[in-house]
Amino acid sequence: MKQRSAPCHSGSAVSAGPSFTSEEVHISSLVVHVKPEGLAQVKAQINALPQAEVYGESPVGKLIVVLETPNHRKVTDIIDTINAFEHVLTTFLVFHQVEQQGSDFEDTP
C-alpha cells in the first residue's frame, strides 16, 4: 500500500489520534460499482486516496479496491468519500480483517 504508520525505531508507537494504535492495521476490500463512462475518472480519484488502491477493474463498471487503514472509522470514512464521487453508484465492503503488528511483523515494499 501507499502509506502505513509503523512503530518508531526506538520501539515506541507512533500515534495519530486517540483511536489510533500503530500496532493495528485494518485490511479491507471493496467492490465499487461505477457508471462505465466514469470508470477512468473514479479509478484515478480512488488511487489518489493515500490508503486506497484499485487492484482490478471491469469495463462494465466494477472496481476492486483494497484499503489499509489504522482503524475501522477510517474504512467507513473512505467508503463515504468514494460514494460521494461523481459516477459512483454504490460501494460494498466485501472483506475486513484486523492485523496486529508485533516485533515479528515485516512490511515488505
N, C-alpha and C. Protein backbone atom coordinates (compact mmCIF):
# COMPACT_ATOMS: atom_id res chain seq x y z
N MET A 1 0.83 -1.18 0.00
CA MET A 1 0.00 0.00 0.00
C MET A 1 0.88 1.24 0.00
N LYS A 2 0.23 2.36 -0.15
CA LYS A 2 0.95 3.60 -0.32
C LYS A 2 1.55 4.14 0.96
N GLN A 3 0.82 3.99 2.08
CA GLN A 3 1.28 4.64 3.30
C GLN A 3 0.82 3.83 4.50
N ARG A 4 1.69 3.63 5.45
CA ARG A 4 1.32 2.94 6.67
C ARG A 4 2.15 3.47 7.80
N SER A 5 1.51 3.74 8.92
CA SER A 5 2.24 4.13 10.10
C SER A 5 2.86 2.88 10.71
N ALA A 6 4.01 3.04 11.28
CA ALA A 6 4.69 1.90 11.86
C ALA A 6 5.37 2.33 13.15
N PRO A 7 5.78 1.36 13.96
CA PRO A 7 6.49 1.72 15.18
C PRO A 7 7.78 2.48 14.86
N CYS A 8 8.13 3.41 15.71
CA CYS A 8 9.39 4.15 15.56
C CYS A 8 10.55 3.18 15.79
N HIS A 9 11.73 3.56 15.34
CA HIS A 9 12.90 2.72 15.52
C HIS A 9 13.21 2.49 16.99
N SER A 10 12.77 3.40 17.86
CA SER A 10 13.02 3.24 19.28
C SER A 10 12.10 2.20 19.90
N GLY A 11 11.09 1.71 19.10
CA GLY A 11 10.18 0.71 19.61
C GLY A 11 8.87 1.29 20.11
N SER A 12 8.80 2.60 20.27
CA SER A 12 7.55 3.20 20.71
C SER A 12 6.64 3.40 19.51
N ALA A 13 5.36 3.41 19.77
CA ALA A 13 4.37 3.52 18.69
C ALA A 13 4.17 4.97 18.29
N VAL A 14 3.85 5.18 17.02
CA VAL A 14 3.50 6.48 16.50
C VAL A 14 2.01 6.65 16.71
N SER A 15 1.58 7.78 17.24
CA SER A 15 0.15 7.98 17.48
C SER A 15 -0.35 9.13 16.63
N ALA A 16 -1.51 8.92 15.97
CA ALA A 16 -2.11 9.96 15.14
C ALA A 16 -3.47 10.36 15.67
N GLY A 17 -3.77 10.05 16.91
CA GLY A 17 -5.06 10.42 17.47
C GLY A 17 -5.47 9.42 18.53
N PRO A 18 -6.53 9.72 19.23
CA PRO A 18 -6.93 8.90 20.35
C PRO A 18 -7.37 7.49 19.98
N SER A 19 -7.96 7.27 18.78
CA SER A 19 -8.44 5.94 18.43
C SER A 19 -7.43 5.18 17.57
N PHE A 20 -6.23 5.69 17.39
CA PHE A 20 -5.24 5.08 16.52
C PHE A 20 -4.21 4.32 17.32
N THR A 21 -3.98 3.08 16.97
CA THR A 21 -2.92 2.28 17.54
C THR A 21 -2.07 1.79 16.39
N SER A 22 -0.78 2.14 16.38
CA SER A 22 0.06 1.76 15.25
C SER A 22 0.30 0.27 15.20
N GLU A 23 -0.10 -0.47 16.23
CA GLU A 23 0.07 -1.90 16.26
C GLU A 23 -1.06 -2.62 15.52
N GLU A 24 -2.04 -1.89 15.03
CA GLU A 24 -3.21 -2.48 14.40
C GLU A 24 -3.36 -1.94 12.98
N VAL A 25 -3.60 -2.85 12.03
CA VAL A 25 -3.82 -2.46 10.64
C VAL A 25 -5.10 -3.14 10.16
N HIS A 26 -6.00 -2.35 9.59
CA HIS A 26 -7.24 -2.87 9.05
C HIS A 26 -7.09 -3.03 7.55
N ILE A 27 -7.20 -4.26 7.07
CA ILE A 27 -7.13 -4.57 5.64
C ILE A 27 -8.56 -4.81 5.19
N SER A 28 -8.99 -4.08 4.18
CA SER A 28 -10.37 -4.19 3.69
C SER A 28 -10.36 -4.22 2.18
N SER A 29 -11.36 -4.89 1.62
CA SER A 29 -11.53 -4.81 0.18
C SER A 29 -12.96 -4.40 -0.11
N LEU A 30 -13.09 -3.67 -1.20
CA LEU A 30 -14.37 -3.10 -1.61
C LEU A 30 -14.64 -3.45 -3.06
N VAL A 31 -15.91 -3.53 -3.40
CA VAL A 31 -16.32 -3.53 -4.80
C VAL A 31 -17.07 -2.23 -5.01
N VAL A 32 -16.60 -1.44 -5.96
CA VAL A 32 -17.21 -0.16 -6.26
C VAL A 32 -17.89 -0.25 -7.62
N HIS A 33 -19.20 -0.01 -7.64
CA HIS A 33 -19.94 -0.02 -8.91
C HIS A 33 -19.98 1.41 -9.43
N VAL A 34 -19.56 1.56 -10.68
CA VAL A 34 -19.38 2.87 -11.29
C VAL A 34 -20.09 2.89 -12.65
N LYS A 35 -20.64 4.03 -13.02
CA LYS A 35 -21.15 4.18 -14.39
C LYS A 35 -19.96 3.99 -15.32
N PRO A 36 -20.07 3.14 -16.33
CA PRO A 36 -18.92 2.84 -17.20
C PRO A 36 -18.24 4.08 -17.78
N GLU A 37 -19.00 5.12 -18.10
CA GLU A 37 -18.39 6.32 -18.68
C GLU A 37 -17.52 7.08 -17.67
N GLY A 38 -17.66 6.80 -16.39
CA GLY A 38 -16.85 7.47 -15.38
C GLY A 38 -15.78 6.60 -14.77
N LEU A 39 -15.56 5.42 -15.33
CA LEU A 39 -14.64 4.45 -14.75
C LEU A 39 -13.22 5.00 -14.58
N ALA A 40 -12.66 5.59 -15.61
CA ALA A 40 -11.28 6.11 -15.53
C ALA A 40 -11.17 7.23 -14.51
N GLN A 41 -12.16 8.10 -14.47
CA GLN A 41 -12.15 9.23 -13.53
C GLN A 41 -12.21 8.73 -12.09
N VAL A 42 -13.12 7.81 -11.80
CA VAL A 42 -13.26 7.29 -10.44
C VAL A 42 -12.02 6.50 -10.03
N LYS A 43 -11.48 5.72 -10.95
CA LYS A 43 -10.26 4.96 -10.66
C LYS A 43 -9.13 5.90 -10.25
N ALA A 44 -8.96 6.99 -10.97
CA ALA A 44 -7.91 7.97 -10.64
C ALA A 44 -8.17 8.62 -9.28
N GLN A 45 -9.43 8.92 -8.99
CA GLN A 45 -9.77 9.54 -7.70
C GLN A 45 -9.49 8.58 -6.54
N ILE A 46 -9.82 7.32 -6.71
CA ILE A 46 -9.56 6.34 -5.66
C ILE A 46 -8.06 6.16 -5.46
N ASN A 47 -7.32 6.03 -6.54
CA ASN A 47 -5.87 5.86 -6.43
C ASN A 47 -5.19 7.07 -5.82
N ALA A 48 -5.84 8.22 -5.85
CA ALA A 48 -5.29 9.43 -5.23
C ALA A 48 -5.47 9.43 -3.71
N LEU A 49 -6.34 8.58 -3.19
CA LEU A 49 -6.53 8.48 -1.74
C LEU A 49 -5.33 7.75 -1.14
N PRO A 50 -4.73 8.28 -0.07
CA PRO A 50 -3.49 7.71 0.45
C PRO A 50 -3.58 6.27 0.93
N GLN A 51 -4.73 5.82 1.39
CA GLN A 51 -4.83 4.48 1.97
C GLN A 51 -5.68 3.54 1.11
N ALA A 52 -5.85 3.89 -0.17
CA ALA A 52 -6.68 3.07 -1.07
C ALA A 52 -5.92 2.81 -2.36
N GLU A 53 -6.20 1.65 -2.94
CA GLU A 53 -5.58 1.31 -4.22
C GLU A 53 -6.52 0.42 -5.02
N VAL A 54 -6.68 0.74 -6.30
CA VAL A 54 -7.50 -0.08 -7.19
C VAL A 54 -6.65 -1.27 -7.63
N TYR A 55 -7.16 -2.48 -7.38
CA TYR A 55 -6.44 -3.70 -7.73
C TYR A 55 -7.01 -4.41 -8.94
N GLY A 56 -8.22 -4.04 -9.36
CA GLY A 56 -8.80 -4.67 -10.52
C GLY A 56 -9.99 -3.87 -11.01
N GLU A 57 -10.33 -4.09 -12.28
CA GLU A 57 -11.46 -3.36 -12.85
C GLU A 57 -12.12 -4.18 -13.95
N SER A 58 -13.37 -3.84 -14.19
CA SER A 58 -14.14 -4.44 -15.26
C SER A 58 -14.69 -3.30 -16.12
N PRO A 59 -14.67 -3.44 -17.43
CA PRO A 59 -15.16 -2.35 -18.29
C PRO A 59 -16.66 -2.07 -18.12
N VAL A 60 -17.39 -2.98 -17.47
CA VAL A 60 -18.81 -2.73 -17.24
C VAL A 60 -19.04 -1.84 -16.01
N GLY A 61 -17.97 -1.47 -15.31
CA GLY A 61 -18.10 -0.50 -14.24
C GLY A 61 -17.90 -1.03 -12.83
N LYS A 62 -17.04 -2.01 -12.65
CA LYS A 62 -16.75 -2.52 -11.32
C LYS A 62 -15.26 -2.35 -11.04
N LEU A 63 -14.97 -1.88 -9.84
CA LEU A 63 -13.58 -1.73 -9.39
C LEU A 63 -13.39 -2.55 -8.12
N ILE A 64 -12.26 -3.20 -8.00
CA ILE A 64 -11.86 -3.87 -6.77
C ILE A 64 -10.84 -2.95 -6.10
N VAL A 65 -11.14 -2.57 -4.87
CA VAL A 65 -10.30 -1.62 -4.15
C VAL A 65 -9.84 -2.25 -2.84
N VAL A 66 -8.56 -2.06 -2.51
CA VAL A 66 -8.02 -2.54 -1.24
C VAL A 66 -7.65 -1.33 -0.40
N LEU A 67 -8.05 -1.38 0.86
CA LEU A 67 -7.73 -0.32 1.83
C LEU A 67 -6.81 -0.88 2.89
N GLU A 68 -5.91 -0.06 3.37
CA GLU A 68 -5.06 -0.40 4.50
C GLU A 68 -5.10 0.80 5.44
N THR A 69 -5.84 0.66 6.54
CA THR A 69 -6.13 1.79 7.41
C THR A 69 -5.78 1.48 8.87
N PRO A 70 -5.65 2.52 9.69
CA PRO A 70 -5.29 2.30 11.09
C PRO A 70 -6.47 1.90 11.98
N ASN A 71 -7.70 2.10 11.50
CA ASN A 71 -8.86 1.77 12.33
C ASN A 71 -10.11 1.63 11.47
N HIS A 72 -11.19 1.11 12.06
CA HIS A 72 -12.42 0.88 11.30
C HIS A 72 -13.10 2.18 10.90
N ARG A 73 -12.95 3.22 11.69
CA ARG A 73 -13.55 4.51 11.36
C ARG A 73 -13.01 5.04 10.03
N LYS A 74 -11.72 4.86 9.79
CA LYS A 74 -11.12 5.33 8.54
C LYS A 74 -11.67 4.53 7.36
N VAL A 75 -11.97 3.25 7.56
CA VAL A 75 -12.57 2.44 6.50
C VAL A 75 -13.90 3.06 6.08
N THR A 76 -14.75 3.35 7.06
CA THR A 76 -16.06 3.92 6.73
C THR A 76 -15.94 5.32 6.16
N ASP A 77 -14.96 6.09 6.61
CA ASP A 77 -14.74 7.42 6.05
C ASP A 77 -14.36 7.34 4.57
N ILE A 78 -13.50 6.39 4.22
CA ILE A 78 -13.08 6.23 2.82
C ILE A 78 -14.26 5.76 1.96
N ILE A 79 -15.06 4.83 2.49
CA ILE A 79 -16.25 4.39 1.76
C ILE A 79 -17.17 5.57 1.49
N ASP A 80 -17.39 6.41 2.50
CA ASP A 80 -18.23 7.61 2.31
C ASP A 80 -17.64 8.54 1.26
N THR A 81 -16.33 8.70 1.27
CA THR A 81 -15.65 9.56 0.29
C THR A 81 -15.86 9.01 -1.12
N ILE A 82 -15.65 7.70 -1.28
CA ILE A 82 -15.81 7.08 -2.60
C ILE A 82 -17.26 7.20 -3.07
N ASN A 83 -18.21 6.96 -2.19
CA ASN A 83 -19.62 7.06 -2.55
C ASN A 83 -20.01 8.46 -3.01
N ALA A 84 -19.27 9.47 -2.57
CA ALA A 84 -19.57 10.85 -2.95
C ALA A 84 -18.99 11.23 -4.32
N PHE A 85 -18.12 10.39 -4.88
CA PHE A 85 -17.54 10.69 -6.18
C PHE A 85 -18.62 10.62 -7.26
N GLU A 86 -18.52 11.54 -8.22
CA GLU A 86 -19.43 11.52 -9.37
C GLU A 86 -19.26 10.19 -10.10
N HIS A 87 -20.32 9.63 -10.59
CA HIS A 87 -20.38 8.37 -11.35
C HIS A 87 -20.39 7.11 -10.48
N VAL A 88 -20.19 7.23 -9.15
CA VAL A 88 -20.23 6.05 -8.29
C VAL A 88 -21.68 5.74 -7.97
N LEU A 89 -22.06 4.48 -8.21
CA LEU A 89 -23.42 4.04 -7.91
C LEU A 89 -23.52 3.49 -6.49
N THR A 90 -22.57 2.66 -6.09
CA THR A 90 -22.55 2.11 -4.73
C THR A 90 -21.19 1.48 -4.45
N THR A 91 -20.91 1.32 -3.17
CA THR A 91 -19.66 0.70 -2.72
C THR A 91 -20.01 -0.37 -1.69
N PHE A 92 -19.47 -1.57 -1.88
CA PHE A 92 -19.71 -2.68 -0.96
C PHE A 92 -18.41 -3.08 -0.27
N LEU A 93 -18.48 -3.22 1.05
CA LEU A 93 -17.37 -3.80 1.80
C LEU A 93 -17.50 -5.31 1.68
N VAL A 94 -16.49 -5.98 1.14
CA VAL A 94 -16.58 -7.43 0.95
C VAL A 94 -15.59 -8.20 1.83
N PHE A 95 -14.64 -7.51 2.44
CA PHE A 95 -13.67 -8.18 3.30
C PHE A 95 -13.11 -7.16 4.28
N HIS A 96 -12.93 -7.60 5.53
CA HIS A 96 -12.30 -6.73 6.53
C HIS A 96 -11.58 -7.63 7.53
N GLN A 97 -10.31 -7.35 7.73
CA GLN A 97 -9.51 -8.12 8.67
C GLN A 97 -8.62 -7.17 9.45
N VAL A 98 -8.45 -7.44 10.73
CA VAL A 98 -7.57 -6.64 11.57
C VAL A 98 -6.31 -7.44 11.81
N GLU A 99 -5.19 -6.86 11.47
CA GLU A 99 -3.89 -7.49 11.70
C GLU A 99 -3.19 -6.76 12.83
N GLN A 100 -2.57 -7.52 13.70
CA GLN A 100 -1.78 -6.95 14.78
C GLN A 100 -0.32 -6.94 14.36
N GLN A 101 0.31 -5.80 14.48
CA GLN A 101 1.73 -5.68 14.15
C GLN A 101 2.53 -5.84 15.42
N GLY A 102 3.39 -6.83 15.44
CA GLY A 102 4.26 -7.04 16.59
C GLY A 102 5.70 -6.89 16.18
N SER A 103 6.59 -7.30 17.04
CA SER A 103 8.01 -7.19 16.73
C SER A 103 8.41 -8.09 15.57
N ASP A 104 7.58 -9.13 15.28
CA ASP A 104 7.91 -10.02 14.18
C ASP A 104 7.25 -9.61 12.87
N PHE A 105 6.50 -8.48 12.87
CA PHE A 105 5.83 -8.01 11.68
C PHE A 105 6.83 -7.37 10.73
N GLU A 106 6.77 -7.74 9.46
CA GLU A 106 7.63 -7.14 8.45
C GLU A 106 6.78 -6.50 7.39
N ASP A 107 7.06 -5.27 7.05
CA ASP A 107 6.36 -4.56 5.98
C ASP A 107 7.22 -4.63 4.73
N THR A 108 6.76 -5.38 3.75
CA THR A 108 7.53 -5.54 2.52
C THR A 108 7.10 -4.49 1.52
N PRO A 109 8.05 -3.94 0.76
CA PRO A 109 7.70 -2.89 -0.21
C PRO A 109 6.87 -3.41 -1.35
